[in-house]
Amino acid sequence: MADFSVYGISLGKFKAKICNKCEDKVFGEEVSDQIDKIAKQRSLWGLEAKTKELGLFGLKLNAKIT
């Protein structure tokens, strides 16, 4: 199980293959669909397209809506 975050916001822990050398995470198609669904429910899906600037301010998400 591996944590998946969007803009520093955790969406949960999901089944993944993790590289022993670089720790990259690879999620299967069904898990990716689950992650997309959760991101959409939390209004994080496509957020970068709706914002002029997006970033972190300390541990908080900072966005300027256009």
C-alpha atoms as a PDB file:
ATOM      1  CA  MET A   1       0.000   0.000   0.000  1.00  0.00           C
ATOM      2  CA  ALA A   2       1.244   3.470  -0.885  1.00  0.00           C
ATOM      3  CA  ASP A   3      -0.025   6.932  -0.034  1.00  0.00           C
ATOM      4  CA  PHE A   4      -1.169   9.102  -2.954  1.00  0.00           C
ATOM      5  CA  SER A   5      -1.312  12.889  -2.627  1.00  0.00           C
ATOM      6  CA  VAL A   6      -2.494  15.696  -4.881  1.00  0.00           C
ATOM      7  CA  TYR A   7      -1.046  19.162  -4.150  1.00  0.00           C
ATOM      8  CA  GLY A   8       0.077  17.866  -0.756  1.00  0.00           C
ATOM      9  CA  ILE A   9      -3.399  16.567   0.139  1.00  0.00           C
ATOM     10  CA  SER A  10      -3.504  12.826   0.829  1.00  0.00           C
ATOM     11  CA  LEU A  11      -6.228  10.935  -1.019  1.00  0.00           C
ATOM     12  CA  GLY A  12      -5.477   7.717   0.866  1.00  0.00           C
ATOM     13  CA  LYS A  13      -3.410   4.555   0.675  1.00  0.00           C
ATOM     14  CA  PHE A  14      -3.737   2.381  -2.413  1.00  0.00           C
ATOM     15  CA  LYS A  15      -2.326  -0.875  -3.752  1.00  0.00           C
ATOM     16  CA  ALA A  16       0.825  -0.122  -5.740  1.00  0.00           C
ATOM     17  CA  LYS A  17       4.069  -1.582  -6.970  1.00  0.00           C
ATOM     18  CA  ILE A  18       7.011   0.302  -5.473  1.00  0.00           C
ATOM     19  CA  CYS A  19      10.525   0.319  -6.930  1.00  0.00           C
ATOM     20  CA  ASN A  20      13.110  -0.868  -4.371  1.00  0.00           C
ATOM     21  CA  LYS A  21      15.772   1.484  -5.763  1.00  0.00           C
ATOM     22  CA  CYS A  22      14.008   4.798  -6.401  1.00  0.00           C
ATOM     23  CA  GLU A  23      10.706   4.246  -4.527  1.00  0.00           C
ATOM     24  CA  ASP A  24       8.619   5.267  -7.567  1.00  0.00           C
ATOM     25  CA  LYS A  25       5.018   4.109  -7.219  1.00  0.00           C
ATOM     26  CA  VAL A  26       3.043   2.450 -10.011  1.00  0.00           C
ATOM     27  CA  PHE A  27      -0.723   2.159  -9.621  1.00  0.00           C
ATOM     28  CA  GLY A  28      -2.858  -0.200 -11.698  1.00  0.00           C
ATOM     29  CA  GLU A  29      -5.700   0.989 -13.925  1.00  0.00           C
ATOM     30  CA  GLU A  30      -8.477   0.181 -11.436  1.00  0.00           C
ATOM     31  CA  VAL A  31      -6.613   1.920  -8.617  1.00  0.00           C
ATOM     32  CA  SER A  32      -5.959   4.940 -10.864  1.00  0.00           C
ATOM     33  CA  ASP A  33      -9.686   5.144 -11.598  1.00  0.00           C
ATOM     34  CA  GLN A  34     -10.365   5.059  -7.839  1.00  0.00           C
ATOM     35  CA  ILE A  35      -7.843   7.847  -7.251  1.00  0.00           C
ATOM     36  CA  ASP A  36      -9.421   9.963 -10.025  1.00  0.00           C
ATOM     37  CA  LYS A  37     -12.883   9.474  -8.511  1.00  0.00           C
ATOM     38  CA  ILE A  38     -11.708  10.598  -5.058  1.00  0.00           C
ATOM     39  CA  ALA A  39      -9.884  13.619  -6.532  1.00  0.00           C
ATOM     40  CA  LYS A  40     -13.078  14.637  -8.371  1.00  0.00           C
ATOM     41  CA  GLN A  41     -15.181  14.231  -5.206  1.00  0.00           C
ATOM     42  CA  ARG A  42     -12.782  16.508  -3.324  1.00  0.00           C
ATOM     43  CA  SER A  43     -12.751  19.073  -6.173  1.00  0.00           C
ATOM     44  CA  LEU A  44      -9.024  18.524  -6.777  1.00  0.00           C
ATOM     45  CA  TRP A  45      -9.453  17.051 -10.276  1.00  0.00           C
ATOM     46  CA  GLY A  46      -8.280  19.515 -12.952  1.00  0.00           C
ATOM     47  CA  LEU A  47      -7.564  22.186 -10.366  1.00  0.00           C
ATOM     48  CA  GLU A  48      -4.440  23.326 -12.210  1.00  0.00           C
ATOM     49  CA  ALA A  49      -6.577  24.185 -15.269  1.00  0.00           C
ATOM     50  CA  LYS A  50      -8.858  26.417 -13.156  1.00  0.00           C
ATOM     51  CA  THR A  51      -6.107  28.354 -11.429  1.00  0.00           C
ATOM     52  CA  LYS A  52      -3.609  30.920 -12.520  1.00  0.00           C
ATOM     53  CA  GLU A  53      -1.210  30.024  -9.752  1.00  0.00           C
ATOM     54  CA  LEU A  54      -1.178  26.933  -7.574  1.00  0.00           C
ATOM     55  CA  GLY A  55       1.269  26.076  -4.868  1.00  0.00           C
ATOM     56  CA  LEU A  56       1.899  25.309  -1.247  1.00  0.00           C
ATOM     57  CA  PHE A  57       2.186  27.906   1.490  1.00  0.00           C
ATOM     58  CA  GLY A  58       3.791  26.038   4.348  1.00  0.00           C
ATOM     59  CA  LEU A  59       1.662  22.922   4.635  1.00  0.00           C
ATOM     60  CA  LYS A  60      -1.445  24.520   3.093  1.00  0.00           C
ATOM     61  CA  LEU A  61      -2.632  24.634  -0.500  1.00  0.00           C
ATOM     62  CA  ASN A  62      -2.525  28.129  -2.013  1.00  0.00           C
ATOM     63  CA  ALA A  63      -4.553  28.857  -5.180  1.00  0.00           C
ATOM     64  CA  LYS A  64      -5.527  31.974  -7.125  1.00  0.00           C
ATOM     65  CA  ILE A  65      -8.780  31.337  -8.993  1.00  0.00           C
ATOM     66  CA  THR A  66      -9.198  33.074 -12.360  1.00  0.00           C
END
